[in-house]
Each structure stands twice: as C-alpha cells, then as structure tokens.
Amino acid sequence: MSTAQSKVYIEILRYIRAFIAEKQLSYGDKIPSERELAEKLKVGRSSVREALRALELLGMIETRRGEGTFLKDFREHNLIELLGTFILEDTKAIDDIIEMNNLLERNALQLILSNDDHETLHLLGDKIHNRVMSRYEFMKELMVLANNHLLYRIWNVLNEYVYFVHKGNDESFYKKNHGEKLINALLEKDQAEVYRIYESVSLKENVE
C-alpha cells in the first residue's frame, strides 16, 4: 500500500471512529454505507471498500445483504482498542499513557514488596541471568508476580499503545543488568532502592 493510499485508509477509519463516538453507537447499530462514506470523504469507493473489508475480517462489523453494514459486539472484539490507537497522534495523550504505565508498574512493585514470594523472584532472577530479556518481557513477569489480575490486564492492554510510542533502547536495559539489580532489591525488601532502580528504566526516562 502506497503512502497516499495509507493516508486515505487511515482517514476512513478516523471518520468511522468519530461517527461511532458522535452517534454513541453500539452493537447492532448501522454505520454509513460504502457510497455514503465515499461521498462524505471525497475518496474512491474502492478505498472505502478495502477499509470496510479489513474491519469485517477483524470481526468488528458485518454486512447484511440488502440491509447495510452494522457494528458487531464490542465485548468480543478489539474495535475500541484498535481505533483508539489514533489518539497517539495527540502528544498529551502519549504523555498520559506513559505516566499511567509507570503508575501501574510502580503499584505492581509495591505489591511484590508486600508479599513473600522469594522463590518466584529467585526463579525470575535465574531466568534473566541465563537469557536476554527485553524490558517488556521482564516487566510482564513482574506484573504477573504482583498477583493482581485486573492490574495485569490493564497494563497489558495499555502496552499495546506503549509499543507504538516507546523509543527506548531495550539493549541498554539488559546490558546494564537493571533487571537483576531490581530483583535483588525486591528480595532485600529495600523499597527505596527498588524505586531508584525503577526510575532509571521507567519509560518516562526513555521516551524522546
């Protein structure tokens, strides 16, 4: 797909997202037709058709012959998350996402400090010592170790957005042994040291 085609494609998706929000549509509601979208956006119907086909393949919309195109159940698909990535064009939104990510990770560290699962921490220490782990892989292990399912799920969804904006170098994370140092501080229940090490690898510090 050329750059020009990509821009048209994204513009169509943006419009659909805005239409859903403005009309407060939900499962089973109808969205504009291929012809209506083409006329509104002044683009070719073939471009609109491709965008709608992609959403249909993702299970987000369905076309009913002779009736039109309708939204499918948001609870079973990732329409909100997928279209929500467009908020990442907003600098303030990016800052908020990174800040929230850091808050979730700090909360997870606090939960780990309050429990006594030394065995799992030692196993994670062995794992990171024996192979290279990216910052994301390491933090995912810690989020699971925090033993709060809701916290983990929110963090995991948020990191689908973080992936697009995080420009930090994972190589510096494992070359400086930040992971091993953080685990040692957690094992020693040294809260000040845990947060000091975390601040050196927090995404806020690594985003350009």
N, C-alpha and C. Protein backbone atom coordinates (compact mmCIF):
# COMPACT_ATOMS: atom_id res chain seq x y z
N MET A 1 0.85 -1.19 0.00
CA MET A 1 0.00 0.00 0.00
C MET A 1 0.88 1.24 0.00
N SER A 2 0.64 2.18 -0.93
CA SER A 2 1.43 3.40 -1.02
C SER A 2 1.13 4.33 0.14
N THR A 3 1.99 5.37 0.30
CA THR A 3 1.77 6.33 1.38
C THR A 3 0.43 7.04 1.21
N ALA A 4 0.11 7.41 -0.03
CA ALA A 4 -1.15 8.10 -0.29
C ALA A 4 -2.34 7.21 0.05
N GLN A 5 -2.25 5.94 -0.32
CA GLN A 5 -3.34 5.00 -0.02
C GLN A 5 -3.49 4.81 1.48
N SER A 6 -2.35 4.77 2.19
CA SER A 6 -2.39 4.61 3.63
C SER A 6 -3.09 5.78 4.29
N LYS A 7 -2.82 6.99 3.80
CA LYS A 7 -3.45 8.18 4.37
C LYS A 7 -4.97 8.13 4.17
N VAL A 8 -5.40 7.71 3.01
CA VAL A 8 -6.83 7.61 2.73
C VAL A 8 -7.45 6.56 3.64
N TYR A 9 -6.79 5.43 3.78
CA TYR A 9 -7.26 4.32 4.61
C TYR A 9 -7.44 4.79 6.05
N ILE A 10 -6.42 5.48 6.58
CA ILE A 10 -6.48 5.97 7.96
C ILE A 10 -7.58 7.01 8.12
N GLU A 11 -7.76 7.86 7.11
CA GLU A 11 -8.81 8.88 7.17
C GLU A 11 -10.20 8.24 7.25
N ILE A 12 -10.38 7.17 6.52
CA ILE A 12 -11.66 6.46 6.56
C ILE A 12 -11.90 5.88 7.95
N LEU A 13 -10.88 5.24 8.53
CA LEU A 13 -11.01 4.67 9.86
C LEU A 13 -11.26 5.75 10.91
N ARG A 14 -10.59 6.89 10.75
CA ARG A 14 -10.81 8.01 11.68
C ARG A 14 -12.26 8.47 11.64
N TYR A 15 -12.78 8.56 10.43
CA TYR A 15 -14.15 9.04 10.28
C TYR A 15 -15.13 8.05 10.92
N ILE A 16 -14.91 6.76 10.70
CA ILE A 16 -15.78 5.75 11.28
C ILE A 16 -15.74 5.83 12.81
N ARG A 17 -14.54 5.98 13.35
CA ARG A 17 -14.40 6.11 14.80
C ARG A 17 -15.17 7.33 15.31
N ALA A 18 -14.99 8.47 14.65
CA ALA A 18 -15.67 9.70 15.07
C ALA A 18 -17.19 9.55 14.96
N PHE A 19 -17.64 8.87 13.92
CA PHE A 19 -19.07 8.66 13.71
C PHE A 19 -19.65 7.81 14.85
N ILE A 20 -18.92 6.76 15.23
CA ILE A 20 -19.37 5.88 16.31
C ILE A 20 -19.49 6.66 17.61
N ALA A 21 -18.46 7.50 17.89
CA ALA A 21 -18.46 8.27 19.13
C ALA A 21 -19.57 9.32 19.13
N GLU A 22 -19.71 10.02 18.01
CA GLU A 22 -20.70 11.11 17.93
C GLU A 22 -22.13 10.57 18.08
N LYS A 23 -22.40 9.47 17.42
CA LYS A 23 -23.76 8.90 17.44
C LYS A 23 -23.97 7.95 18.62
N GLN A 24 -22.88 7.70 19.38
CA GLN A 24 -22.94 6.79 20.52
C GLN A 24 -23.52 5.43 20.11
N LEU A 25 -22.93 4.91 19.05
CA LEU A 25 -23.41 3.63 18.52
C LEU A 25 -22.93 2.47 19.37
N SER A 26 -23.66 1.38 19.30
CA SER A 26 -23.26 0.16 19.99
C SER A 26 -23.62 -1.04 19.12
N TYR A 27 -23.48 -2.23 19.69
CA TYR A 27 -23.71 -3.48 18.96
C TYR A 27 -25.05 -3.47 18.23
N GLY A 28 -24.98 -3.79 16.94
CA GLY A 28 -26.19 -3.89 16.13
C GLY A 28 -26.59 -2.62 15.42
N ASP A 29 -25.93 -1.49 15.74
CA ASP A 29 -26.27 -0.23 15.07
C ASP A 29 -25.63 -0.15 13.69
N LYS A 30 -26.27 0.61 12.83
CA LYS A 30 -25.83 0.71 11.44
C LYS A 30 -24.82 1.85 11.28
N ILE A 31 -23.81 1.62 10.43
CA ILE A 31 -22.86 2.68 10.11
C ILE A 31 -23.07 3.10 8.65
N PRO A 32 -22.48 4.25 8.23
CA PRO A 32 -22.69 4.71 6.87
C PRO A 32 -22.30 3.67 5.82
N SER A 33 -22.97 3.71 4.70
CA SER A 33 -22.70 2.76 3.62
C SER A 33 -21.40 3.11 2.90
N GLU A 34 -20.96 2.21 2.09
CA GLU A 34 -19.77 2.43 1.27
C GLU A 34 -19.92 3.70 0.44
N ARG A 35 -21.08 3.88 -0.19
CA ARG A 35 -21.34 5.06 -1.02
C ARG A 35 -21.33 6.33 -0.19
N GLU A 36 -21.98 6.30 0.98
CA GLU A 36 -22.05 7.47 1.84
C GLU A 36 -20.67 7.89 2.33
N LEU A 37 -19.86 6.90 2.69
CA LEU A 37 -18.51 7.21 3.16
C LEU A 37 -17.67 7.82 2.04
N ALA A 38 -17.79 7.27 0.85
CA ALA A 38 -17.03 7.77 -0.29
C ALA A 38 -17.41 9.22 -0.61
N GLU A 39 -18.70 9.50 -0.56
CA GLU A 39 -19.17 10.85 -0.86
C GLU A 39 -18.77 11.84 0.24
N LYS A 40 -18.89 11.43 1.48
CA LYS A 40 -18.57 12.29 2.60
C LYS A 40 -17.09 12.65 2.63
N LEU A 41 -16.26 11.66 2.38
CA LEU A 41 -14.81 11.86 2.46
C LEU A 41 -14.17 12.22 1.13
N LYS A 42 -14.98 12.19 0.07
CA LYS A 42 -14.50 12.51 -1.28
C LYS A 42 -13.30 11.62 -1.66
N VAL A 43 -13.51 10.32 -1.47
CA VAL A 43 -12.49 9.33 -1.85
C VAL A 43 -13.15 8.26 -2.71
N GLY A 44 -12.34 7.45 -3.34
CA GLY A 44 -12.86 6.39 -4.20
C GLY A 44 -13.55 5.31 -3.40
N ARG A 45 -14.60 4.73 -4.00
CA ARG A 45 -15.34 3.68 -3.29
C ARG A 45 -14.48 2.45 -3.06
N SER A 46 -13.48 2.24 -3.93
CA SER A 46 -12.61 1.07 -3.75
C SER A 46 -11.81 1.19 -2.46
N SER A 47 -11.39 2.42 -2.10
CA SER A 47 -10.64 2.64 -0.85
C SER A 47 -11.53 2.37 0.35
N VAL A 48 -12.77 2.85 0.26
CA VAL A 48 -13.73 2.62 1.34
C VAL A 48 -14.01 1.13 1.49
N ARG A 49 -14.15 0.46 0.36
CA ARG A 49 -14.46 -0.97 0.37
C ARG A 49 -13.34 -1.75 1.08
N GLU A 50 -12.07 -1.37 0.80
CA GLU A 50 -10.94 -2.05 1.42
C GLU A 50 -10.92 -1.84 2.93
N ALA A 51 -11.22 -0.60 3.36
CA ALA A 51 -11.24 -0.31 4.80
C ALA A 51 -12.34 -1.10 5.50
N LEU A 52 -13.52 -1.14 4.90
CA LEU A 52 -14.63 -1.88 5.48
C LEU A 52 -14.36 -3.38 5.49
N ARG A 53 -13.71 -3.84 4.44
CA ARG A 53 -13.39 -5.27 4.37
C ARG A 53 -12.43 -5.66 5.48
N ALA A 54 -11.46 -4.77 5.77
CA ALA A 54 -10.49 -5.05 6.83
C ALA A 54 -11.20 -5.14 8.19
N LEU A 55 -12.12 -4.20 8.43
CA LEU A 55 -12.86 -4.22 9.70
C LEU A 55 -13.75 -5.45 9.80
N GLU A 56 -14.27 -5.87 8.66
CA GLU A 56 -15.13 -7.07 8.66
C GLU A 56 -14.31 -8.32 8.94
N LEU A 57 -13.12 -8.40 8.35
CA LEU A 57 -12.26 -9.55 8.57
C LEU A 57 -11.82 -9.64 10.04
N LEU A 58 -11.71 -8.48 10.68
CA LEU A 58 -11.34 -8.43 12.09
C LEU A 58 -12.53 -8.73 13.00
N GLY A 59 -13.70 -8.92 12.40
CA GLY A 59 -14.87 -9.26 13.18
C GLY A 59 -15.50 -8.08 13.88
N MET A 60 -15.24 -6.87 13.38
CA MET A 60 -15.74 -5.66 14.03
C MET A 60 -17.05 -5.14 13.43
N ILE A 61 -17.28 -5.47 12.18
CA ILE A 61 -18.52 -5.09 11.52
C ILE A 61 -19.04 -6.28 10.73
N GLU A 62 -20.29 -6.20 10.33
CA GLU A 62 -20.84 -7.24 9.47
C GLU A 62 -21.75 -6.59 8.43
N THR A 63 -21.70 -7.10 7.22
CA THR A 63 -22.54 -6.59 6.14
C THR A 63 -23.69 -7.56 5.92
N ARG A 64 -24.89 -7.01 5.97
CA ARG A 64 -26.09 -7.82 5.73
C ARG A 64 -26.67 -7.44 4.38
N ARG A 65 -26.74 -8.40 3.51
CA ARG A 65 -27.19 -8.16 2.14
C ARG A 65 -28.56 -7.47 2.14
N GLY A 66 -28.63 -6.35 1.44
CA GLY A 66 -29.87 -5.62 1.31
C GLY A 66 -30.22 -4.74 2.50
N GLU A 67 -29.40 -4.79 3.56
CA GLU A 67 -29.69 -4.01 4.76
C GLU A 67 -28.63 -2.96 5.06
N GLY A 68 -27.36 -3.32 4.89
CA GLY A 68 -26.29 -2.37 5.17
C GLY A 68 -25.20 -2.99 6.03
N THR A 69 -24.40 -2.10 6.65
CA THR A 69 -23.26 -2.54 7.46
C THR A 69 -23.51 -2.18 8.92
N PHE A 70 -23.27 -3.13 9.82
CA PHE A 70 -23.60 -2.96 11.23
C PHE A 70 -22.41 -3.30 12.12
N LEU A 71 -22.38 -2.66 13.31
CA LEU A 71 -21.34 -2.93 14.28
C LEU A 71 -21.60 -4.28 14.97
N LYS A 72 -20.52 -5.01 15.20
CA LYS A 72 -20.64 -6.25 15.95
C LYS A 72 -20.35 -5.96 17.42
N ASP A 73 -20.43 -6.97 18.26
CA ASP A 73 -20.35 -6.81 19.70
C ASP A 73 -18.95 -6.36 20.14
N PHE A 74 -18.86 -5.17 20.76
CA PHE A 74 -17.58 -4.64 21.25
C PHE A 74 -16.98 -5.55 22.32
N ARG A 75 -17.82 -6.26 23.05
CA ARG A 75 -17.30 -7.05 24.16
C ARG A 75 -16.45 -8.21 23.68
N GLU A 76 -16.60 -8.60 22.44
CA GLU A 76 -15.86 -9.76 21.95
C GLU A 76 -14.72 -9.37 21.03
N HIS A 77 -14.61 -8.10 20.68
CA HIS A 77 -13.58 -7.68 19.74
C HIS A 77 -12.85 -6.45 20.24
N ASN A 78 -11.80 -6.08 19.54
CA ASN A 78 -10.94 -5.00 20.00
C ASN A 78 -11.12 -3.72 19.19
N LEU A 79 -12.35 -3.42 18.79
CA LEU A 79 -12.61 -2.23 17.97
C LEU A 79 -12.16 -0.97 18.69
N ILE A 80 -12.56 -0.83 19.96
CA ILE A 80 -12.21 0.37 20.70
C ILE A 80 -10.70 0.50 20.81
N GLU A 81 -10.01 -0.61 21.15
CA GLU A 81 -8.57 -0.56 21.29
C GLU A 81 -7.89 -0.25 19.96
N LEU A 82 -8.35 -0.88 18.90
CA LEU A 82 -7.73 -0.68 17.59
C LEU A 82 -7.89 0.74 17.10
N LEU A 83 -9.11 1.24 17.09
CA LEU A 83 -9.33 2.60 16.62
C LEU A 83 -8.77 3.61 17.61
N GLY A 84 -8.68 3.22 18.87
CA GLY A 84 -8.15 4.11 19.89
C GLY A 84 -6.69 4.44 19.69
N THR A 85 -5.97 3.66 18.88
CA THR A 85 -4.56 3.96 18.66
C THR A 85 -4.38 5.31 17.98
N PHE A 86 -5.42 5.82 17.37
CA PHE A 86 -5.30 7.11 16.71
C PHE A 86 -5.13 8.25 17.71
N ILE A 87 -5.45 8.02 18.98
CA ILE A 87 -5.23 9.06 19.98
C ILE A 87 -3.74 9.31 20.15
N LEU A 88 -2.93 8.37 19.69
CA LEU A 88 -1.49 8.52 19.87
C LEU A 88 -0.89 9.60 18.98
N GLU A 89 -1.72 10.24 18.17
CA GLU A 89 -1.25 11.40 17.42
C GLU A 89 -1.30 12.65 18.31
N ASP A 90 -1.89 12.52 19.49
CA ASP A 90 -2.03 13.62 20.43
C ASP A 90 -0.89 13.52 21.46
N THR A 91 -0.01 14.53 21.49
CA THR A 91 1.14 14.50 22.39
C THR A 91 0.74 14.34 23.84
N LYS A 92 -0.30 15.06 24.27
CA LYS A 92 -0.76 14.96 25.66
C LYS A 92 -1.23 13.54 25.96
N ALA A 93 -1.91 12.92 25.01
CA ALA A 93 -2.39 11.56 25.21
C ALA A 93 -1.21 10.60 25.39
N ILE A 94 -0.15 10.80 24.62
CA ILE A 94 1.05 9.96 24.75
C ILE A 94 1.65 10.11 26.14
N ASP A 95 1.77 11.37 26.60
CA ASP A 95 2.33 11.61 27.94
C ASP A 95 1.50 10.93 29.02
N ASP A 96 0.17 11.01 28.87
CA ASP A 96 -0.73 10.40 29.85
C ASP A 96 -0.58 8.88 29.87
N ILE A 97 -0.44 8.28 28.69
CA ILE A 97 -0.29 6.84 28.60
C ILE A 97 1.00 6.38 29.27
N ILE A 98 2.10 7.08 29.01
CA ILE A 98 3.38 6.72 29.61
C ILE A 98 3.31 6.89 31.13
N GLU A 99 2.69 7.98 31.58
CA GLU A 99 2.56 8.20 33.02
C GLU A 99 1.73 7.10 33.68
N MET A 100 0.63 6.73 33.05
CA MET A 100 -0.21 5.67 33.60
C MET A 100 0.54 4.34 33.63
N ASN A 101 1.32 4.07 32.60
CA ASN A 101 2.11 2.84 32.55
C ASN A 101 3.06 2.78 33.74
N ASN A 102 3.71 3.91 34.02
CA ASN A 102 4.65 3.95 35.14
C ASN A 102 3.92 3.76 36.48
N LEU A 103 2.76 4.36 36.63
CA LEU A 103 1.99 4.21 37.86
C LEU A 103 1.60 2.75 38.10
N LEU A 104 1.18 2.08 37.03
CA LEU A 104 0.80 0.67 37.15
C LEU A 104 2.00 -0.19 37.53
N GLU A 105 3.14 0.09 36.92
CA GLU A 105 4.34 -0.70 37.21
C GLU A 105 4.83 -0.45 38.64
N ARG A 106 4.76 0.79 39.09
CA ARG A 106 5.15 1.09 40.47
C ARG A 106 4.22 0.41 41.47
N ASN A 107 2.93 0.38 41.15
CA ASN A 107 1.98 -0.31 42.03
C ASN A 107 2.27 -1.80 42.11
N ALA A 108 2.66 -2.37 40.97
CA ALA A 108 3.00 -3.79 40.95
C ALA A 108 4.22 -4.06 41.82
N LEU A 109 5.20 -3.17 41.76
CA LEU A 109 6.40 -3.34 42.59
C LEU A 109 6.04 -3.26 44.07
N GLN A 110 5.11 -2.36 44.41
CA GLN A 110 4.68 -2.24 45.81
C GLN A 110 4.00 -3.52 46.29
N LEU A 111 3.19 -4.12 45.42
CA LEU A 111 2.53 -5.37 45.77
C LEU A 111 3.54 -6.49 45.98
N ILE A 112 4.56 -6.53 45.13
CA ILE A 112 5.60 -7.57 45.26
C ILE A 112 6.37 -7.38 46.56
N LEU A 113 6.65 -6.12 46.91
CA LEU A 113 7.36 -5.83 48.16
C LEU A 113 6.57 -6.30 49.38
N SER A 114 5.26 -6.30 49.24
CA SER A 114 4.41 -6.65 50.38
C SER A 114 4.16 -8.15 50.51
N ASN A 115 4.56 -8.93 49.49
CA ASN A 115 4.38 -10.37 49.62
C ASN A 115 5.71 -11.06 49.91
N ASP A 116 5.69 -12.35 50.07
CA ASP A 116 6.90 -13.10 50.46
C ASP A 116 7.23 -14.19 49.46
N ASP A 117 7.01 -13.93 48.19
CA ASP A 117 7.24 -14.95 47.17
C ASP A 117 8.70 -14.92 46.70
N HIS A 118 9.60 -15.24 47.61
CA HIS A 118 11.03 -15.20 47.30
C HIS A 118 11.40 -16.24 46.25
N GLU A 119 10.74 -17.38 46.30
CA GLU A 119 11.09 -18.46 45.37
C GLU A 119 10.88 -18.04 43.92
N THR A 120 9.72 -17.41 43.64
CA THR A 120 9.44 -16.97 42.27
C THR A 120 10.40 -15.88 41.84
N LEU A 121 10.75 -14.99 42.77
CA LEU A 121 11.71 -13.94 42.44
C LEU A 121 13.07 -14.53 42.10
N HIS A 122 13.48 -15.55 42.85
CA HIS A 122 14.76 -16.21 42.56
C HIS A 122 14.71 -16.87 41.18
N LEU A 123 13.59 -17.51 40.85
CA LEU A 123 13.44 -18.14 39.53
C LEU A 123 13.52 -17.11 38.42
N LEU A 124 12.89 -15.95 38.63
CA LEU A 124 12.95 -14.89 37.63
C LEU A 124 14.38 -14.37 37.50
N GLY A 125 15.08 -14.30 38.63
CA GLY A 125 16.48 -13.87 38.59
C GLY A 125 17.33 -14.82 37.77
N ASP A 126 17.09 -16.11 37.93
CA ASP A 126 17.83 -17.11 37.15
C ASP A 126 17.49 -16.98 35.67
N LYS A 127 16.23 -16.74 35.39
CA LYS A 127 15.78 -16.64 34.00
C LYS A 127 16.45 -15.46 33.29
N ILE A 128 16.45 -14.30 33.94
CA ILE A 128 17.02 -13.12 33.30
C ILE A 128 18.55 -13.22 33.24
N HIS A 129 19.14 -14.02 34.15
CA HIS A 129 20.59 -14.20 34.13
C HIS A 129 21.02 -15.10 32.98
N ASN A 130 20.18 -16.07 32.65
CA ASN A 130 20.55 -17.06 31.64
C ASN A 130 20.16 -16.70 30.21
N ARG A 131 19.33 -15.70 30.04
CA ARG A 131 18.99 -15.28 28.68
C ARG A 131 18.61 -13.81 28.64
N VAL A 132 18.73 -13.24 27.46
CA VAL A 132 18.40 -11.83 27.28
C VAL A 132 16.89 -11.64 27.32
N MET A 133 16.43 -10.73 28.14
CA MET A 133 15.01 -10.40 28.21
C MET A 133 14.84 -8.91 27.92
N SER A 134 13.85 -8.60 27.10
CA SER A 134 13.56 -7.19 26.83
C SER A 134 12.91 -6.57 28.07
N ARG A 135 12.86 -5.26 28.11
CA ARG A 135 12.21 -4.59 29.23
C ARG A 135 10.76 -5.04 29.35
N TYR A 136 10.06 -5.14 28.20
CA TYR A 136 8.66 -5.55 28.22
C TYR A 136 8.52 -6.96 28.80
N GLU A 137 9.35 -7.89 28.37
CA GLU A 137 9.27 -9.27 28.86
C GLU A 137 9.49 -9.33 30.37
N PHE A 138 10.47 -8.56 30.82
CA PHE A 138 10.79 -8.56 32.25
C PHE A 138 9.65 -7.96 33.07
N MET A 139 9.14 -6.81 32.62
CA MET A 139 8.06 -6.17 33.36
C MET A 139 6.80 -7.02 33.35
N LYS A 140 6.58 -7.75 32.27
CA LYS A 140 5.41 -8.64 32.20
C LYS A 140 5.52 -9.71 33.29
N GLU A 141 6.72 -10.25 33.49
CA GLU A 141 6.92 -11.25 34.55
C GLU A 141 6.60 -10.64 35.91
N LEU A 142 7.03 -9.40 36.13
CA LEU A 142 6.79 -8.75 37.41
C LEU A 142 5.30 -8.44 37.61
N MET A 143 4.63 -8.02 36.53
CA MET A 143 3.20 -7.71 36.64
C MET A 143 2.41 -8.96 37.02
N VAL A 144 2.81 -10.10 36.48
CA VAL A 144 2.16 -11.37 36.84
C VAL A 144 2.46 -11.71 38.30
N LEU A 145 3.70 -11.47 38.70
CA LEU A 145 4.13 -11.78 40.06
C LEU A 145 3.39 -10.94 41.10
N ALA A 146 2.93 -9.76 40.70
CA ALA A 146 2.19 -8.89 41.62
C ALA A 146 0.88 -9.53 42.05
N ASN A 147 0.41 -10.50 41.27
CA ASN A 147 -0.78 -11.30 41.63
C ASN A 147 -2.05 -10.46 41.76
N ASN A 148 -2.20 -9.52 40.83
CA ASN A 148 -3.44 -8.74 40.75
C ASN A 148 -3.89 -8.80 39.30
N HIS A 149 -4.89 -9.63 39.01
CA HIS A 149 -5.29 -9.91 37.64
C HIS A 149 -5.76 -8.65 36.90
N LEU A 150 -6.53 -7.82 37.59
CA LEU A 150 -7.03 -6.61 36.94
C LEU A 150 -5.89 -5.66 36.61
N LEU A 151 -4.96 -5.49 37.54
CA LEU A 151 -3.80 -4.63 37.29
C LEU A 151 -3.03 -5.12 36.07
N TYR A 152 -2.83 -6.42 36.00
CA TYR A 152 -2.10 -7.01 34.86
C TYR A 152 -2.84 -6.77 33.55
N ARG A 153 -4.16 -6.97 33.56
CA ARG A 153 -4.92 -6.82 32.32
C ARG A 153 -4.89 -5.38 31.81
N ILE A 154 -5.02 -4.42 32.72
CA ILE A 154 -4.98 -3.02 32.32
C ILE A 154 -3.60 -2.69 31.75
N TRP A 155 -2.56 -3.15 32.45
CA TRP A 155 -1.19 -2.90 31.97
C TRP A 155 -0.96 -3.52 30.61
N ASN A 156 -1.46 -4.72 30.42
CA ASN A 156 -1.24 -5.43 29.16
C ASN A 156 -1.91 -4.72 27.99
N VAL A 157 -3.14 -4.25 28.18
CA VAL A 157 -3.83 -3.50 27.13
C VAL A 157 -3.10 -2.19 26.85
N LEU A 158 -2.69 -1.51 27.92
CA LEU A 158 -2.00 -0.23 27.77
C LEU A 158 -0.72 -0.39 26.97
N ASN A 159 -0.05 -1.52 27.15
CA ASN A 159 1.22 -1.72 26.45
C ASN A 159 1.06 -1.96 24.96
N GLU A 160 -0.17 -2.21 24.50
CA GLU A 160 -0.39 -2.26 23.06
C GLU A 160 -0.22 -0.85 22.48
N TYR A 161 -0.56 0.16 23.27
CA TYR A 161 -0.34 1.55 22.86
C TYR A 161 1.12 1.95 23.07
N VAL A 162 1.67 1.55 24.22
CA VAL A 162 3.05 1.91 24.55
C VAL A 162 4.00 1.42 23.47
N TYR A 163 3.69 0.28 22.89
CA TYR A 163 4.54 -0.30 21.84
C TYR A 163 4.78 0.69 20.70
N PHE A 164 3.75 1.47 20.37
CA PHE A 164 3.84 2.39 19.25
C PHE A 164 4.66 3.64 19.57
N VAL A 165 4.79 3.99 20.83
CA VAL A 165 5.42 5.26 21.17
C VAL A 165 6.74 5.13 21.92
N HIS A 166 7.01 3.95 22.48
CA HIS A 166 8.22 3.78 23.27
C HIS A 166 9.42 3.68 22.36
N LYS A 167 10.36 4.60 22.54
CA LYS A 167 11.55 4.61 21.69
C LYS A 167 12.81 4.28 22.48
N GLY A 168 12.61 3.79 23.68
CA GLY A 168 13.77 3.43 24.49
C GLY A 168 14.51 2.24 23.90
N ASN A 169 15.76 2.10 24.31
CA ASN A 169 16.60 1.03 23.79
C ASN A 169 16.63 -0.13 24.78
N ASP A 170 15.97 -1.24 24.46
CA ASP A 170 15.94 -2.39 25.34
C ASP A 170 17.34 -2.92 25.61
N GLU A 171 18.22 -2.72 24.64
CA GLU A 171 19.59 -3.24 24.80
C GLU A 171 20.24 -2.66 26.04
N SER A 172 20.02 -1.36 26.30
CA SER A 172 20.62 -0.73 27.47
C SER A 172 20.03 -1.31 28.75
N PHE A 173 18.79 -1.78 28.68
CA PHE A 173 18.13 -2.35 29.85
C PHE A 173 18.86 -3.60 30.32
N TYR A 174 19.13 -4.52 29.38
CA TYR A 174 19.75 -5.76 29.84
C TYR A 174 21.27 -5.67 29.93
N LYS A 175 21.90 -4.76 29.18
CA LYS A 175 23.35 -4.63 29.28
C LYS A 175 23.77 -4.05 30.63
N LYS A 176 22.91 -3.21 31.20
CA LYS A 176 23.22 -2.61 32.49
C LYS A 176 22.70 -3.43 33.66
N ASN A 177 22.19 -4.62 33.36
CA ASN A 177 21.71 -5.55 34.40
C ASN A 177 20.65 -4.93 35.31
N HIS A 178 19.84 -4.05 34.76
CA HIS A 178 18.80 -3.43 35.58
C HIS A 178 17.85 -4.46 36.16
N GLY A 179 17.53 -5.48 35.36
CA GLY A 179 16.59 -6.49 35.82
C GLY A 179 17.09 -7.23 37.05
N GLU A 180 18.35 -7.67 37.01
CA GLU A 180 18.93 -8.41 38.14
C GLU A 180 19.03 -7.51 39.37
N LYS A 181 19.39 -6.25 39.16
CA LYS A 181 19.50 -5.32 40.29
C LYS A 181 18.13 -5.10 40.94
N LEU A 182 17.11 -5.01 40.10
CA LEU A 182 15.76 -4.78 40.63
C LEU A 182 15.28 -5.99 41.43
N ILE A 183 15.56 -7.17 40.94
CA ILE A 183 15.17 -8.39 41.64
C ILE A 183 15.87 -8.48 42.99
N ASN A 184 17.16 -8.16 43.02
CA ASN A 184 17.91 -8.20 44.28
C ASN A 184 17.32 -7.23 45.30
N ALA A 185 16.95 -6.05 44.83
CA ALA A 185 16.37 -5.05 45.73
C ALA A 185 15.01 -5.52 46.25
N LEU A 186 14.24 -6.19 45.38
CA LEU A 186 12.95 -6.73 45.81
C LEU A 186 13.13 -7.84 46.84
N LEU A 187 14.13 -8.68 46.64
CA LEU A 187 14.40 -9.76 47.58
C LEU A 187 14.82 -9.21 48.94
N GLU A 188 15.54 -8.10 48.93
CA GLU A 188 16.01 -7.49 50.18
C GLU A 188 14.96 -6.57 50.80
N LYS A 189 13.81 -6.43 50.13
CA LYS A 189 12.73 -5.57 50.62
C LYS A 189 13.20 -4.12 50.81
N ASP A 190 14.09 -3.71 49.93
CA ASP A 190 14.64 -2.36 50.01
C ASP A 190 13.81 -1.45 49.10
N GLN A 191 12.75 -0.88 49.65
CA GLN A 191 11.82 -0.10 48.84
C GLN A 191 12.48 1.08 48.14
N ALA A 192 13.31 1.81 48.86
CA ALA A 192 13.97 2.98 48.27
C ALA A 192 14.82 2.57 47.07
N GLU A 193 15.56 1.48 47.21
CA GLU A 193 16.42 1.02 46.13
C GLU A 193 15.59 0.49 44.95
N VAL A 194 14.48 -0.19 45.25
CA VAL A 194 13.59 -0.68 44.19
C VAL A 194 13.12 0.47 43.32
N TYR A 195 12.65 1.54 43.95
CA TYR A 195 12.13 2.67 43.18
C TYR A 195 13.24 3.46 42.51
N ARG A 196 14.42 3.49 43.13
CA ARG A 196 15.55 4.18 42.49
C ARG A 196 15.93 3.47 41.19
N ILE A 197 16.01 2.16 41.23
CA ILE A 197 16.35 1.39 40.03
C ILE A 197 15.24 1.52 39.00
N TYR A 198 14.00 1.42 39.48
CA TYR A 198 12.88 1.52 38.54
C TYR A 198 12.89 2.85 37.80
N GLU A 199 13.17 3.95 38.51
CA GLU A 199 13.18 5.26 37.85
C GLU A 199 14.20 5.33 36.73
N SER A 200 15.28 4.58 36.86
CA SER A 200 16.31 4.60 35.82
C SER A 200 15.89 3.87 34.56
N VAL A 201 14.83 3.05 34.66
CA VAL A 201 14.36 2.31 33.48
C VAL A 201 12.90 2.63 33.15
N SER A 202 12.31 3.59 33.87
CA SER A 202 10.90 3.92 33.59
C SER A 202 10.80 4.49 32.19
N LEU A 203 9.68 4.24 31.53
CA LEU A 203 9.52 4.69 30.15
C LEU A 203 9.58 6.20 30.02
N LYS A 204 9.21 6.92 31.07
CA LYS A 204 9.25 8.37 31.03
C LYS A 204 10.67 8.84 30.77
N GLU A 205 11.63 8.08 31.28
CA GLU A 205 13.03 8.45 31.10
C GLU A 205 13.54 8.10 29.71
N ASN A 206 12.84 7.22 29.02
CA ASN A 206 13.36 6.71 27.74
C ASN A 206 12.62 7.21 26.53
N VAL A 207 11.53 7.97 26.72
CA VAL A 207 10.76 8.45 25.58
C VAL A 207 11.36 9.74 25.08
N GLU A 208 11.61 9.82 23.79
CA GLU A 208 12.20 11.01 23.19
C GLU A 208 11.13 12.05 22.97
